[in-house]
Each structure stands twice: as structure tokens, then as C-alpha cells.
């Protein structure tokens, strides 16, 4: 009886490694966007969530524009997180004399900024969105196609990295708010101690 149980167990475990037929996927669905800007070797076009399955080129362009915009915002967010660690402008944020030097960094700043400070921030962002500051006068860079593609790919990659970096900054800062000094460091940026001197 024991031999029969061992033989049945061995057969069942061997079946786990038997080849299984793989469902055929459409080559056009997988390869539709493989030559787009941002698809780099060795991964190529990577879409693990399947967001691009069966979508049109217009919808893909909409997704890519959203990715680009989120990447740009994340790059600014990372700079906005790191810059106050090294430099403060030191102007009065409100008429009652609250200085920007008195505002803490990171998530703690959300509760420390008064209403008039938020009005200034929202007004500035609204002006940038309305009047289109910080853009090229023509709207498009006048570069050869190969150099433009290389720069667009670099911008996408930098944005992707910035999105991950911002998530880590938020995670670290949130954990530090929940358990102060959890990591034993006084400063957010621990790898570059010379910036605090």
C-alpha cells in the first residue's frame, strides 16, 4: 500500500512538469506598439497589465500622453521634495509673517501650509496651465528625427524613474511620520550627507 501511495505521489508531481499547450496570441496584438518611442531592449514593449490589448493608435497616443504628463509631474515632485532639503527661498508665505523657512518638508507640509499659501500654489499652477508658460514658442523641437526620438525616449524613461522615486519618497516620509526616527536618520537624503553642510 505504501509503495502505491509513493508511486501515485511521484506520478502526480511529475504531471506538474509536463508540457502544457500554450494558447496562441495574436502577433498583431503583441507587436502593434513594439516600435513606439519608449520600447527599449531587452524588454521591448512592456505592458504587463494588458492596457494596450485591442486599443487603437489614438487611444495608445492618449495613454502615452498621460504617461508623459505624469512623468513630468513626478520629476517636478521629486525636485520639490529634494530642493527644500538643501535650500529655502525664505520669503513670507502669508501676511502674518509665516516664512517658507518655517514650513517642514514632505508630507508634514500639507498641514503646515495655511489657506493663503495653498491659494498661491493653486494660482501659480492655474496660470501655468492657462497661459502655457515653460513651453517652446513653436511647441515642437526642431531636431532631426533620430535625435528627437532619442530625447523623447529619454524623457519617458526619466519620467518612469521619477514616478518610482516619488512613490519611494512618499513611502519613506509617511513611515517616518507614523514612527518618527524609524530609520535612525535625521535627514531625508542620507546618501549625500555633504548637502546638509
C-alpha atoms as a PDB file:
ATOM      1  CA  UNK A   1       0.000   0.000   0.000  1.00  0.00           C
ATOM      2  CA  UNK A   2       2.830   2.384   0.859  1.00  0.00           C
ATOM      3  CA  UNK A   3       4.505   1.668  -2.493  1.00  0.00           C
ATOM      4  CA  UNK A   4       1.270   2.506  -4.297  1.00  0.00           C
ATOM      5  CA  UNK A   5       0.940   5.822  -2.416  1.00  0.00           C
ATOM      6  CA  UNK A   6       4.552   6.784  -3.213  1.00  0.00           C
ATOM      7  CA  UNK A   7       4.038   5.852  -6.895  1.00  0.00           C
ATOM      8  CA  UNK A   8       0.826   7.930  -7.085  1.00  0.00           C
ATOM      9  CA  UNK A   9       2.561  10.913  -5.464  1.00  0.00           C
ATOM     10  CA  UNK A  10       5.502  10.657  -7.872  1.00  0.00           C
ATOM     11  CA  UNK A  11       3.167  10.481 -10.870  1.00  0.00           C
ATOM     12  CA  UNK A  12       1.198  13.498  -9.673  1.00  0.00           C
ATOM     13  CA  UNK A  13       4.312  15.590  -9.102  1.00  0.00           C
ATOM     14  CA  UNK A  14       5.708  14.594 -12.496  1.00  0.00           C
ATOM     15  CA  UNK A  15       2.482  15.773 -14.123  1.00  0.00           C
ATOM     16  CA  UNK A  16       3.174  19.249 -12.752  1.00  0.00           C
ATOM     17  CA  UNK A  17       6.209  19.487 -15.023  1.00  0.00           C
ATOM     18  CA  UNK A  18       4.574  18.091 -18.140  1.00  0.00           C
ATOM     19  CA  UNK A  19       4.367  20.493 -21.073  1.00  0.00           C
ATOM     20  CA  UNK A  20       1.089  22.352 -21.305  1.00  0.00           C
ATOM     21  CA  UNK A  21      -0.214  23.714 -24.602  1.00  0.00           C
ATOM     22  CA  UNK A  22       0.073  27.500 -24.674  1.00  0.00           C
ATOM     23  CA  UNK A  23      -2.792  29.476 -26.104  1.00  0.00           C
ATOM     24  CA  UNK A  24      -1.853  31.225 -29.305  1.00  0.00           C
ATOM     25  CA  UNK A  25      -1.955  35.002 -29.051  1.00  0.00           C
ATOM     26  CA  UNK A  26      -2.347  37.327 -31.914  1.00  0.00           C
ATOM     27  CA  UNK A  27       1.005  38.536 -33.213  1.00  0.00           C
ATOM     28  CA  UNK A  28      -0.598  41.809 -34.202  1.00  0.00           C
ATOM     29  CA  UNK A  29      -1.856  42.423 -30.659  1.00  0.00           C
ATOM     30  CA  UNK A  30       1.600  41.858 -29.197  1.00  0.00           C
ATOM     31  CA  UNK A  31       3.525  43.667 -31.897  1.00  0.00           C
ATOM     32  CA  UNK A  32       1.180  46.584 -32.568  1.00  0.00           C
ATOM     33  CA  UNK A  33       3.178  49.031 -30.442  1.00  0.00           C
ATOM     34  CA  UNK A  34       6.605  47.384 -30.264  1.00  0.00           C
ATOM     35  CA  UNK A  35       8.205  50.123 -32.387  1.00  0.00           C
ATOM     36  CA  UNK A  36       6.830  53.014 -30.344  1.00  0.00           C
ATOM     37  CA  UNK A  37       9.057  55.504 -28.544  1.00  0.00           C
ATOM     38  CA  UNK A  38       9.965  54.146 -25.096  1.00  0.00           C
ATOM     39  CA  UNK A  39      10.134  50.454 -26.042  1.00  0.00           C
ATOM     40  CA  UNK A  40      13.719  49.530 -25.232  1.00  0.00           C
ATOM     41  CA  UNK A  41      15.716  46.323 -25.249  1.00  0.00           C
ATOM     42  CA  UNK A  42      15.898  43.856 -23.591  1.00  0.00           C
ATOM     43  CA  UNK A  43      12.234  44.134 -22.521  1.00  0.00           C
ATOM     44  CA  UNK A  44      10.860  45.865 -25.606  1.00  0.00           C
ATOM     45  CA  UNK A  45       7.258  46.969 -25.364  1.00  0.00           C
ATOM     46  CA  UNK A  46       6.205  46.022 -21.836  1.00  0.00           C
ATOM     47  CA  UNK A  47       2.549  46.005 -20.874  1.00  0.00           C
ATOM     48  CA  UNK A  48       2.036  43.505 -18.040  1.00  0.00           C
ATOM     49  CA  UNK A  49      -1.479  44.770 -17.239  1.00  0.00           C
ATOM     50  CA  UNK A  50      -2.607  44.397 -20.851  1.00  0.00           C
ATOM     51  CA  UNK A  51      -3.813  48.001 -21.117  1.00  0.00           C
ATOM     52  CA  UNK A  52      -2.919  48.141 -24.798  1.00  0.00           C
ATOM     53  CA  UNK A  53      -4.723  44.956 -25.821  1.00  0.00           C
ATOM     54  CA  UNK A  54      -7.085  45.735 -28.662  1.00  0.00           C
ATOM     55  CA  UNK A  55      -6.847  49.516 -28.477  1.00  0.00           C
ATOM     56  CA  UNK A  56      -6.487  51.902 -31.379  1.00  0.00           C
ATOM     57  CA  UNK A  57      -3.456  54.036 -32.140  1.00  0.00           C
ATOM     58  CA  UNK A  58      -5.374  57.121 -30.980  1.00  0.00           C
ATOM     59  CA  UNK A  59      -6.098  55.513 -27.598  1.00  0.00           C
ATOM     60  CA  UNK A  60      -2.447  54.442 -27.296  1.00  0.00           C
ATOM     61  CA  UNK A  61      -1.354  58.015 -28.027  1.00  0.00           C
ATOM     62  CA  UNK A  62      -3.743  59.223 -25.310  1.00  0.00           C
ATOM     63  CA  UNK A  63      -2.213  56.768 -22.829  1.00  0.00           C
ATOM     64  CA  UNK A  64       1.297  57.785 -23.854  1.00  0.00           C
ATOM     65  CA  UNK A  65       0.458  61.469 -23.383  1.00  0.00           C
ATOM     66  CA  UNK A  66      -0.884  60.692 -19.905  1.00  0.00           C
ATOM     67  CA  UNK A  67       2.302  58.750 -19.102  1.00  0.00           C
ATOM     68  CA  UNK A  68       4.421  61.654 -20.308  1.00  0.00           C
ATOM     69  CA  UNK A  69       2.439  64.190 -18.274  1.00  0.00           C
ATOM     70  CA  UNK A  70       2.553  62.035 -15.137  1.00  0.00           C
ATOM     71  CA  UNK A  71       6.294  61.587 -15.646  1.00  0.00           C
ATOM     72  CA  UNK A  72       6.844  65.334 -15.914  1.00  0.00           C
ATOM     73  CA  UNK A  73       4.787  65.985 -12.788  1.00  0.00           C
ATOM     74  CA  UNK A  74       6.710  63.254 -10.934  1.00  0.00           C
ATOM     75  CA  UNK A  75      10.036  64.813 -11.966  1.00  0.00           C
ATOM     76  CA  UNK A  76       8.892  68.153 -10.553  1.00  0.00           C
ATOM     77  CA  UNK A  77       7.581  66.407  -7.431  1.00  0.00           C
ATOM     78  CA  UNK A  78      10.942  64.743  -6.795  1.00  0.00           C
ATOM     79  CA  UNK A  79      12.688  68.083  -7.222  1.00  0.00           C
ATOM     80  CA  UNK A  80      10.117  69.681  -4.936  1.00  0.00           C
ATOM     81  CA  UNK A  81      10.823  67.042  -2.346  1.00  0.00           C
ATOM     82  CA  UNK A  82      14.610  67.299  -2.528  1.00  0.00           C
ATOM     83  CA  UNK A  83      15.192  71.040  -3.111  1.00  0.00           C
ATOM     84  CA  UNK A  84      13.821  72.210   0.273  1.00  0.00           C
ATOM     85  CA  UNK A  85      16.249  69.815   1.942  1.00  0.00           C
ATOM     86  CA  UNK A  86      19.113  71.953   0.644  1.00  0.00           C
ATOM     87  CA  UNK A  87      17.750  75.457   0.038  1.00  0.00           C
ATOM     88  CA  UNK A  88      14.843  77.676   1.099  1.00  0.00           C
ATOM     89  CA  UNK A  89      13.811  80.952  -0.523  1.00  0.00           C
ATOM     90  CA  UNK A  90      12.901  82.439   2.848  1.00  0.00           C
ATOM     91  CA  UNK A  91      10.036  84.731   1.812  1.00  0.00           C
ATOM     92  CA  UNK A  92       6.893  85.353   3.831  1.00  0.00           C
ATOM     93  CA  UNK A  93       4.194  82.954   2.707  1.00  0.00           C
ATOM     94  CA  UNK A  94       1.378  84.813   4.441  1.00  0.00           C
ATOM     95  CA  UNK A  95       0.873  88.435   5.550  1.00  0.00           C
ATOM     96  CA  UNK A  96       1.167  87.457   9.217  1.00  0.00           C
ATOM     97  CA  UNK A  97       4.854  86.647   8.727  1.00  0.00           C
ATOM     98  CA  UNK A  98       4.883  82.860   8.259  1.00  0.00           C
ATOM     99  CA  UNK A  99       8.143  82.255   6.388  1.00  0.00           C
ATOM    100  CA  UNK A 100       8.810  79.428   3.992  1.00  0.00           C
ATOM    101  CA  UNK A 101      11.710  78.556   6.291  1.00  0.00           C
ATOM    102  CA  UNK A 102       9.135  77.584   8.950  1.00  0.00           C
ATOM    103  CA  UNK A 103       7.336  75.062   6.716  1.00  0.00           C
ATOM    104  CA  UNK A 104       8.503  71.458   7.227  1.00  0.00           C
ATOM    105  CA  UNK A 105       9.466  69.246   4.310  1.00  0.00           C
ATOM    106  CA  UNK A 106       7.452  66.475   2.742  1.00  0.00           C
ATOM    107  CA  UNK A 107       4.050  65.297   3.871  1.00  0.00           C
ATOM    108  CA  UNK A 108       4.215  67.340   7.076  1.00  0.00           C
ATOM    109  CA  UNK A 109       3.983  70.491   4.920  1.00  0.00           C
ATOM    110  CA  UNK A 110       0.407  69.674   3.906  1.00  0.00           C
ATOM    111  CA  UNK A 111      -0.961  70.576   7.331  1.00  0.00           C
ATOM    112  CA  UNK A 112       1.563  73.368   7.946  1.00  0.00           C
ATOM    113  CA  UNK A 113       0.722  75.459   4.852  1.00  0.00           C
ATOM    114  CA  UNK A 114      -2.148  77.858   5.618  1.00  0.00           C
ATOM    115  CA  UNK A 115      -5.041  78.647   3.276  1.00  0.00           C
ATOM    116  CA  UNK A 116      -3.319  81.673   1.681  1.00  0.00           C
ATOM    117  CA  UNK A 117      -0.289  79.512   0.896  1.00  0.00           C
ATOM    118  CA  UNK A 118      -2.485  76.995  -0.909  1.00  0.00           C
ATOM    119  CA  UNK A 119      -4.139  79.868  -2.803  1.00  0.00           C
ATOM    120  CA  UNK A 120      -0.700  80.950  -4.060  1.00  0.00           C
ATOM    121  CA  UNK A 121       0.174  77.418  -5.150  1.00  0.00           C
ATOM    122  CA  UNK A 122      -3.141  76.830  -6.941  1.00  0.00           C
ATOM    123  CA  UNK A 123      -2.982  80.276  -8.612  1.00  0.00           C
ATOM    124  CA  UNK A 124       0.537  79.615  -9.897  1.00  0.00           C
ATOM    125  CA  UNK A 125      -0.384  76.176 -11.282  1.00  0.00           C
ATOM    126  CA  UNK A 126      -3.527  77.667 -12.847  1.00  0.00           C
ATOM    127  CA  UNK A 127      -1.503  80.404 -14.568  1.00  0.00           C
ATOM    128  CA  UNK A 128       0.953  77.862 -15.933  1.00  0.00           C
ATOM    129  CA  UNK A 129      -1.888  75.696 -17.260  1.00  0.00           C
ATOM    130  CA  UNK A 130      -3.839  78.659 -18.685  1.00  0.00           C
ATOM    131  CA  UNK A 131      -1.070  80.687 -20.263  1.00  0.00           C
ATOM    132  CA  UNK A 132       1.269  77.837 -21.168  1.00  0.00           C
ATOM    133  CA  UNK A 133       4.452  79.133 -19.601  1.00  0.00           C
ATOM    134  CA  UNK A 134       7.570  76.970 -19.774  1.00  0.00           C
ATOM    135  CA  UNK A 135       6.885  75.712 -23.292  1.00  0.00           C
ATOM    136  CA  UNK A 136       8.721  76.112 -26.551  1.00  0.00           C
ATOM    137  CA  UNK A 137       7.409  79.061 -28.612  1.00  0.00           C
ATOM    138  CA  UNK A 138       6.767  76.734 -31.537  1.00  0.00           C
ATOM    139  CA  UNK A 139       5.568  73.861 -29.357  1.00  0.00           C
ATOM    140  CA  UNK A 140       7.827  71.337 -31.111  1.00  0.00           C
ATOM    141  CA  UNK A 141      11.593  70.938 -31.009  1.00  0.00           C
ATOM    142  CA  UNK A 142      13.239  71.376 -34.397  1.00  0.00           C
ATOM    143  CA  UNK A 143      15.578  68.372 -34.302  1.00  0.00           C
ATOM    144  CA  UNK A 144      16.472  65.565 -36.704  1.00  0.00           C
ATOM    145  CA  UNK A 145      14.160  62.553 -36.317  1.00  0.00           C
ATOM    146  CA  UNK A 146      16.758  60.244 -34.742  1.00  0.00           C
ATOM    147  CA  UNK A 147      17.842  62.786 -32.115  1.00  0.00           C
ATOM    148  CA  UNK A 148      14.219  63.700 -31.348  1.00  0.00           C
ATOM    149  CA  UNK A 149      13.317  60.011 -30.866  1.00  0.00           C
ATOM    150  CA  UNK A 150      16.306  59.564 -28.546  1.00  0.00           C
ATOM    151  CA  UNK A 151      15.301  62.588 -26.458  1.00  0.00           C
ATOM    152  CA  UNK A 152      11.658  61.516 -26.309  1.00  0.00           C
ATOM    153  CA  UNK A 153      12.723  58.062 -25.131  1.00  0.00           C
ATOM    154  CA  UNK A 154      14.991  59.627 -22.506  1.00  0.00           C
ATOM    155  CA  UNK A 155      12.146  61.832 -21.277  1.00  0.00           C
ATOM    156  CA  UNK A 156       9.833  58.824 -20.936  1.00  0.00           C
ATOM    157  CA  UNK A 157      12.499  56.843 -19.080  1.00  0.00           C
ATOM    158  CA  UNK A 158      13.277  59.755 -16.745  1.00  0.00           C
ATOM    159  CA  UNK A 159       9.562  60.176 -16.050  1.00  0.00           C
ATOM    160  CA  UNK A 160       9.160  56.480 -15.288  1.00  0.00           C
ATOM    161  CA  UNK A 161      12.082  56.600 -12.880  1.00  0.00           C
ATOM    162  CA  UNK A 162      10.746  59.774 -11.260  1.00  0.00           C
ATOM    163  CA  UNK A 163       7.344  58.150 -10.689  1.00  0.00           C
ATOM    164  CA  UNK A 164       9.034  55.311  -8.814  1.00  0.00           C
ATOM    165  CA  UNK A 165      11.312  57.722  -6.934  1.00  0.00           C
ATOM    166  CA  UNK A 166       8.383  59.851  -5.802  1.00  0.00           C
ATOM    167  CA  UNK A 167       6.497  56.791  -4.580  1.00  0.00           C
ATOM    168  CA  UNK A 168       9.529  55.812  -2.503  1.00  0.00           C
ATOM    169  CA  UNK A 169       9.917  59.338  -1.107  1.00  0.00           C
ATOM    170  CA  UNK A 170       6.245  59.345  -0.081  1.00  0.00           C
ATOM    171  CA  UNK A 171       6.530  55.868   1.439  1.00  0.00           C
ATOM    172  CA  UNK A 172       9.636  56.789   3.403  1.00  0.00           C
ATOM    173  CA  UNK A 173       8.225  60.089   4.600  1.00  0.00           C
ATOM    174  CA  UNK A 174       4.871  58.533   5.571  1.00  0.00           C
ATOM    175  CA  UNK A 175       6.603  55.828   7.556  1.00  0.00           C
ATOM    176  CA  UNK A 176       8.734  58.467   9.280  1.00  0.00           C
ATOM    177  CA  UNK A 177       5.569  60.375  10.251  1.00  0.00           C
ATOM    178  CA  UNK A 178       3.976  57.224  11.661  1.00  0.00           C
ATOM    179  CA  UNK A 179       7.108  56.119  13.557  1.00  0.00           C
ATOM    180  CA  UNK A 180       9.470  59.107  13.969  1.00  0.00           C
ATOM    181  CA  UNK A 181      13.108  58.156  13.548  1.00  0.00           C
ATOM    182  CA  UNK A 182      12.260  54.632  12.353  1.00  0.00           C
ATOM    183  CA  UNK A 183      15.364  54.555  10.194  1.00  0.00           C
ATOM    184  CA  UNK A 184      17.686  56.300  12.651  1.00  0.00           C
ATOM    185  CA  UNK A 185      18.453  59.185  10.303  1.00  0.00           C
ATOM    186  CA  UNK A 186      17.808  62.874  10.850  1.00  0.00           C
ATOM    187  CA  UNK A 187      17.652  63.788   7.156  1.00  0.00           C
ATOM    188  CA  UNK A 188      15.613  62.524   4.227  1.00  0.00           C
ATOM    189  CA  UNK A 189      18.555  62.214   1.833  1.00  0.00           C
ATOM    190  CA  UNK A 190      21.049  60.002   3.615  1.00  0.00           C
ATOM    191  CA  UNK A 191      23.255  59.060   0.676  1.00  0.00           C
ATOM    192  CA  UNK A 192      24.518  62.620   0.162  1.00  0.00           C
ATOM    193  CA  UNK A 193      25.441  63.946   3.627  1.00  0.00           C
ATOM    194  CA  UNK A 194      27.511  66.837   2.191  1.00  0.00           C
ATOM    195  CA  UNK A 195      24.372  68.674   1.018  1.00  0.00           C
ATOM    196  CA  UNK A 196      23.461  69.433   4.637  1.00  0.00           C
ATOM    197  CA  UNK A 197      26.751  71.191   5.432  1.00  0.00           C
END
